[in-house]
Amino acid sequence: VTTMENSTRCKPSADYYLASIAKM
């Protein structure tokens, strides 16, 4: 679950999406 605490960008940044799925 992406939150303020575990993310460094917000939508729609591709960096946000790529970092999120990389964690998986």
PDB file of all heavy atoms in Angstrom:
ATOM      1  N   VAL A   1       0.879  -1.167   0.000  1.00  0.00           N
ATOM      2  CA  VAL A   1       0.000   0.000   0.000  1.00  0.00           C
ATOM      3  C   VAL A   1       0.914   1.214   0.000  1.00  0.00           C
ATOM      4  O   VAL A   1       1.732   1.383   0.915  1.00  0.00           O
ATOM      5  CB  VAL A   1      -0.920   0.024   1.238  1.00  0.00           C
ATOM      6  CG1 VAL A   1      -1.750   1.309   1.248  1.00  0.00           C
ATOM      7  CG2 VAL A   1      -1.821  -1.201   1.274  1.00  0.00           C
ATOM      8  N   THR A   2       0.817   2.048  -1.030  1.00  0.00           N
ATOM      9  CA  THR A   2       1.723   3.198  -1.090  1.00  0.00           C
ATOM     10  C   THR A   2       1.202   4.326  -0.204  1.00  0.00           C
ATOM     11  O   THR A   2       0.017   4.648  -0.205  1.00  0.00           O
ATOM     12  CB  THR A   2       1.904   3.697  -2.530  1.00  0.00           C
ATOM     13  OG1 THR A   2       0.624   3.955  -3.129  1.00  0.00           O
ATOM     14  CG2 THR A   2       2.644   2.664  -3.359  1.00  0.00           C
ATOM     15  N   THR A   3       2.113   4.924   0.559  1.00  0.00           N
ATOM     16  CA  THR A   3       1.791   5.967   1.522  1.00  0.00           C
ATOM     17  C   THR A   3       2.870   7.035   1.500  1.00  0.00           C
ATOM     18  O   THR A   3       3.892   6.894   0.837  1.00  0.00           O
ATOM     19  CB  THR A   3       1.708   5.388   2.944  1.00  0.00           C
ATOM     20  OG1 THR A   3       3.034   5.007   3.369  1.00  0.00           O
ATOM     21  CG2 THR A   3       0.798   4.165   3.012  1.00  0.00           C
ATOM     22  N   MET A   4       2.640   8.100   2.252  1.00  0.00           N
ATOM     23  CA  MET A   4       3.658   9.140   2.407  1.00  0.00           C
ATOM     24  C   MET A   4       4.986   8.576   2.904  1.00  0.00           C
ATOM     25  O   MET A   4       6.054   9.016   2.497  1.00  0.00           O
ATOM     26  CB  MET A   4       3.184  10.177   3.431  1.00  0.00           C
ATOM     27  CG  MET A   4       2.512  11.397   2.881  1.00  0.00           C
ATOM     28  SD  MET A   4       2.235  12.542   4.263  1.00  0.00           S
ATOM     29  CE  MET A   4       1.924  14.048   3.355  1.00  0.00           C
ATOM     30  N   GLU A   5       4.873   7.585   3.789  1.00  0.00           N
ATOM     31  CA  GLU A   5       6.072   7.082   4.448  1.00  0.00           C
ATOM     32  C   GLU A   5       6.958   6.243   3.538  1.00  0.00           C
ATOM     33  O   GLU A   5       8.186   6.220   3.713  1.00  0.00           O
ATOM     34  CB  GLU A   5       5.689   6.236   5.667  1.00  0.00           C
ATOM     35  CG  GLU A   5       5.030   7.013   6.799  1.00  0.00           C
ATOM     36  CD  GLU A   5       3.513   7.094   6.690  1.00  0.00           C
ATOM     37  OE1 GLU A   5       2.966   6.903   5.570  1.00  0.00           O
ATOM     38  OE2 GLU A   5       2.863   7.368   7.705  1.00  0.00           O
ATOM     39  N   ASN A   6       6.368   5.531   2.564  1.00  0.00           N
ATOM     40  CA  ASN A   6       7.173   4.593   1.771  1.00  0.00           C
ATOM     41  C   ASN A   6       7.325   4.991   0.309  1.00  0.00           C
ATOM     42  O   ASN A   6       7.765   4.193  -0.508  1.00  0.00           O
ATOM     43  CB  ASN A   6       6.589   3.172   1.867  1.00  0.00           C
ATOM     44  CG  ASN A   6       5.192   3.056   1.262  1.00  0.00           C
ATOM     45  OD1 ASN A   6       4.726   3.930   0.548  1.00  0.00           O
ATOM     46  ND2 ASN A   6       4.521   1.946   1.555  1.00  0.00           N
ATOM     47  N   SER A   7       6.960   6.221  -0.032  1.00  0.00           N
ATOM     48  CA  SER A   7       7.057   6.686  -1.419  1.00  0.00           C
ATOM     49  C   SER A   7       7.824   8.009  -1.484  1.00  0.00           C
ATOM     50  O   SER A   7       7.828   8.779  -0.518  1.00  0.00           O
ATOM     51  CB  SER A   7       5.659   6.887  -2.020  1.00  0.00           C
ATOM     52  OG  SER A   7       4.918   5.681  -1.975  1.00  0.00           O
ATOM     53  N   THR A   8       8.440   8.256  -2.630  1.00  0.00           N
ATOM     54  CA  THR A   8       9.221   9.481  -2.804  1.00  0.00           C
ATOM     55  C   THR A   8       8.672  10.378  -3.905  1.00  0.00           C
ATOM     56  O   THR A   8       9.234  11.445  -4.156  1.00  0.00           O
ATOM     57  CB  THR A   8      10.694   9.155  -3.133  1.00  0.00           C
ATOM     58  OG1 THR A   8      10.752   8.426  -4.368  1.00  0.00           O
ATOM     59  CG2 THR A   8      11.334   8.337  -2.022  1.00  0.00           C
ATOM     60  N   ARG A   9       7.618   9.964  -4.561  1.00  0.00           N
ATOM     61  CA  ARG A   9       6.954  10.767  -5.580  1.00  0.00           C
ATOM     62  C   ARG A   9       5.463  10.481  -5.520  1.00  0.00           C
ATOM     63  O   ARG A   9       5.017   9.552  -4.861  1.00  0.00           O
ATOM     64  CB  ARG A   9       7.484  10.453  -6.989  1.00  0.00           C
ATOM     65  CG  ARG A   9       8.935  10.865  -7.250  1.00  0.00           C
ATOM     66  CD  ARG A   9       9.114  12.366  -7.217  1.00  0.00           C
ATOM     67  NE  ARG A   9      10.474  12.771  -7.548  1.00  0.00           N
ATOM     68  CZ  ARG A   9      11.486  12.841  -6.693  1.00  0.00           C
ATOM     69  NH1 ARG A   9      11.303  12.475  -5.425  1.00  0.00           N
ATOM     70  NH2 ARG A   9      12.675  13.253  -7.082  1.00  0.00           N
ATOM     71  N   CYS A  10       4.680  11.289  -6.229  1.00  0.00           N
ATOM     72  CA  CYS A  10       3.238  11.096  -6.303  1.00  0.00           C
ATOM     73  C   CYS A  10       2.820  10.810  -7.743  1.00  0.00           C
ATOM     74  O   CYS A  10       3.612  10.945  -8.667  1.00  0.00           O
ATOM     75  CB  CYS A  10       2.515  12.347  -5.787  1.00  0.00           C
ATOM     76  SG  CYS A  10       2.689  12.622  -3.999  1.00  0.00           S
ATOM     77  N   LYS A  11       1.583  10.410  -7.912  1.00  0.00           N
ATOM     78  CA  LYS A  11       1.035  10.220  -9.250  1.00  0.00           C
ATOM     79  C   LYS A  11       0.976  11.562  -9.978  1.00  0.00           C
ATOM     80  O   LYS A  11       0.764  12.585  -9.341  1.00  0.00           O
ATOM     81  CB  LYS A  11      -0.378   9.632  -9.169  1.00  0.00           C
ATOM     82  CG  LYS A  11      -0.457   8.240  -8.589  1.00  0.00           C
ATOM     83  CD  LYS A  11      -1.904   7.772  -8.588  1.00  0.00           C
ATOM     84  CE  LYS A  11      -2.041   6.356  -8.055  1.00  0.00           C
ATOM     85  NZ  LYS A  11      -3.441   5.901  -8.083  1.00  0.00           N
ATOM     86  N   PRO A  12       1.156  11.578 -11.287  1.00  0.00           N
ATOM     87  CA  PRO A  12       1.308  10.444 -12.210  1.00  0.00           C
ATOM     88  C   PRO A  12       2.760  10.105 -12.551  1.00  0.00           C
ATOM     89  O   PRO A  12       3.011   9.452 -13.547  1.00  0.00           O
ATOM     90  CB  PRO A  12       0.587  10.951 -13.465  1.00  0.00           C
ATOM     91  CG  PRO A  12       0.923  12.416 -13.484  1.00  0.00           C
ATOM     92  CD  PRO A  12       0.923  12.837 -12.027  1.00  0.00           C
ATOM     93  N   SER A  13       3.691  10.537 -11.721  1.00  0.00           N
ATOM     94  CA  SER A  13       5.114  10.338 -12.020  1.00  0.00           C
ATOM     95  C   SER A  13       5.434   8.874 -12.322  1.00  0.00           C
ATOM     96  O   SER A  13       5.132   7.977 -11.524  1.00  0.00           O
ATOM     97  CB  SER A  13       5.962  10.799 -10.834  1.00  0.00           C
ATOM     98  OG  SER A  13       7.291  10.366 -10.966  1.00  0.00           O
ATOM     99  N   ALA A  14       6.072   8.648 -13.466  1.00  0.00           N
ATOM    100  CA  ALA A  14       6.511   7.291 -13.808  1.00  0.00           C
ATOM    101  C   ALA A  14       7.462   6.760 -12.747  1.00  0.00           C
ATOM    102  O   ALA A  14       7.490   5.556 -12.472  1.00  0.00           O
ATOM    103  CB  ALA A  14       7.164   7.283 -15.181  1.00  0.00           C
ATOM    104  N   ASP A  15       8.250   7.653 -12.137  1.00  0.00           N
ATOM    105  CA  ASP A  15       9.183   7.227 -11.088  1.00  0.00           C
ATOM    106  C   ASP A  15       8.423   6.606  -9.917  1.00  0.00           C
ATOM    107  O   ASP A  15       8.881   5.631  -9.310  1.00  0.00           O
ATOM    108  CB  ASP A  15      10.013   8.406 -10.595  1.00  0.00           C
ATOM    109  CG  ASP A  15      11.034   8.874 -11.615  1.00  0.00           C
ATOM    110  OD1 ASP A  15      11.366   8.095 -12.531  1.00  0.00           O
ATOM    111  OD2 ASP A  15      11.485  10.024 -11.505  1.00  0.00           O
ATOM    112  N   TYR A  16       7.262   7.181  -9.584  1.00  0.00           N
ATOM    113  CA  TYR A  16       6.435   6.621  -8.514  1.00  0.00           C
ATOM    114  C   TYR A  16       5.992   5.208  -8.864  1.00  0.00           C
ATOM    115  O   TYR A  16       6.110   4.277  -8.055  1.00  0.00           O
ATOM    116  CB  TYR A  16       5.215   7.511  -8.252  1.00  0.00           C
ATOM    117  CG  TYR A  16       4.071   6.771  -7.605  1.00  0.00           C
ATOM    118  CD1 TYR A  16       4.126   6.426  -6.260  1.00  0.00           C
ATOM    119  CD2 TYR A  16       2.947   6.397  -8.345  1.00  0.00           C
ATOM    120  CE1 TYR A  16       3.092   5.715  -5.665  1.00  0.00           C
ATOM    121  CE2 TYR A  16       1.908   5.699  -7.753  1.00  0.00           C
ATOM    122  CZ  TYR A  16       1.983   5.357  -6.416  1.00  0.00           C
ATOM    123  OH  TYR A  16       0.963   4.648  -5.834  1.00  0.00           O
ATOM    124  N   TYR A  17       5.465   5.043 -10.065  1.00  0.00           N
ATOM    125  CA  TYR A  17       4.977   3.726 -10.472  1.00  0.00           C
ATOM    126  C   TYR A  17       6.110   2.703 -10.533  1.00  0.00           C
ATOM    127  O   TYR A  17       5.972   1.572 -10.043  1.00  0.00           O
ATOM    128  CB  TYR A  17       4.280   3.822 -11.827  1.00  0.00           C
ATOM    129  CG  TYR A  17       2.900   4.419 -11.749  1.00  0.00           C
ATOM    130  CD1 TYR A  17       2.686   5.771 -12.005  1.00  0.00           C
ATOM    131  CD2 TYR A  17       1.806   3.645 -11.401  1.00  0.00           C
ATOM    132  CE1 TYR A  17       1.418   6.329 -11.922  1.00  0.00           C
ATOM    133  CE2 TYR A  17       0.533   4.190 -11.313  1.00  0.00           C
ATOM    134  CZ  TYR A  17       0.351   5.530 -11.577  1.00  0.00           C
ATOM    135  OH  TYR A  17      -0.912   6.072 -11.486  1.00  0.00           O
ATOM    136  N   LEU A  18       7.224   3.078 -11.133  1.00  0.00           N
ATOM    137  CA  LEU A  18       8.336   2.137 -11.285  1.00  0.00           C
ATOM    138  C   LEU A  18       8.919   1.747  -9.933  1.00  0.00           C
ATOM    139  O   LEU A  18       9.252   0.583  -9.695  1.00  0.00           O
ATOM    140  CB  LEU A  18       9.413   2.742 -12.181  1.00  0.00           C
ATOM    141  CG  LEU A  18       9.008   2.917 -13.649  1.00  0.00           C
ATOM    142  CD1 LEU A  18      10.087   3.691 -14.402  1.00  0.00           C
ATOM    143  CD2 LEU A  18       8.752   1.567 -14.321  1.00  0.00           C
ATOM    144  N   ALA A  19       9.049   2.715  -9.031  1.00  0.00           N
ATOM    145  CA  ALA A  19       9.580   2.409  -7.697  1.00  0.00           C
ATOM    146  C   ALA A  19       8.627   1.497  -6.926  1.00  0.00           C
ATOM    147  O   ALA A  19       9.063   0.599  -6.205  1.00  0.00           O
ATOM    148  CB  ALA A  19       9.814   3.704  -6.918  1.00  0.00           C
ATOM    149  N   SER A  20       7.326   1.714  -7.101  1.00  0.00           N
ATOM    150  CA  SER A  20       6.333   0.903  -6.384  1.00  0.00           C
ATOM    151  C   SER A  20       6.374  -0.547  -6.834  1.00  0.00           C
ATOM    152  O   SER A  20       6.420  -1.474  -6.011  1.00  0.00           O
ATOM    153  CB  SER A  20       4.930   1.481  -6.599  1.00  0.00           C
ATOM    154  OG  SER A  20       4.835   2.792  -6.067  1.00  0.00           O
ATOM    155  N   ILE A  21       6.375  -0.780  -8.154  1.00  0.00           N
ATOM    156  CA  ILE A  21       6.375  -2.169  -8.617  1.00  0.00           C
ATOM    157  C   ILE A  21       7.734  -2.824  -8.403  1.00  0.00           C
ATOM    158  O   ILE A  21       7.812  -4.043  -8.230  1.00  0.00           O
ATOM    159  CB  ILE A  21       5.920  -2.283 -10.082  1.00  0.00           C
ATOM    160  CG1 ILE A  21       6.920  -1.632 -11.031  1.00  0.00           C
ATOM    161  CG2 ILE A  21       4.524  -1.707 -10.255  1.00  0.00           C
ATOM    162  CD1 ILE A  21       6.627  -1.928 -12.496  1.00  0.00           C
ATOM    163  N   ALA A  22       8.804  -2.024  -8.359  1.00  0.00           N
ATOM    164  CA  ALA A  22      10.132  -2.583  -8.073  1.00  0.00           C
ATOM    165  C   ALA A  22      10.169  -3.174  -6.670  1.00  0.00           C
ATOM    166  O   ALA A  22      10.865  -4.168  -6.420  1.00  0.00           O
ATOM    167  CB  ALA A  22      11.207  -1.518  -8.240  1.00  0.00           C
ATOM    168  N   LYS A  23       9.424  -2.574  -5.742  1.00  0.00           N
ATOM    169  CA  LYS A  23       9.361  -3.115  -4.387  1.00  0.00           C
ATOM    170  C   LYS A  23       8.740  -4.505  -4.376  1.00  0.00           C
ATOM    171  O   LYS A  23       8.974  -5.289  -3.453  1.00  0.00           O
ATOM    172  CB  LYS A  23       8.551  -2.173  -3.488  1.00  0.00           C
ATOM    173  CG  LYS A  23       9.256  -0.856  -3.200  1.00  0.00           C
ATOM    174  CD  LYS A  23       8.342   0.102  -2.456  1.00  0.00           C
ATOM    175  CE  LYS A  23       9.036   1.437  -2.254  1.00  0.00           C
ATOM    176  NZ  LYS A  23       8.131   2.460  -1.661  1.00  0.00           N
ATOM    177  N   MET A  24       7.950  -4.805  -5.405  1.00  0.00           N
ATOM    178  CA  MET A  24       7.326  -6.121  -5.521  1.00  0.00           C
ATOM    179  C   MET A  24       8.142  -7.049  -6.417  1.00  0.00           C
ATOM    180  O   MET A  24       7.737  -8.185  -6.669  1.00  0.00           O
ATOM    181  CB  MET A  24       5.919  -5.967  -6.092  1.00  0.00           C
ATOM    182  CG  MET A  24       4.997  -5.102  -5.237  1.00  0.00           C
ATOM    183  SD  MET A  24       3.400  -4.749  -6.052  1.00  0.00           S
ATOM    184  CE  MET A  24       2.638  -6.380  -6.024  1.00  0.00           C
TER     185      MET A  24
END
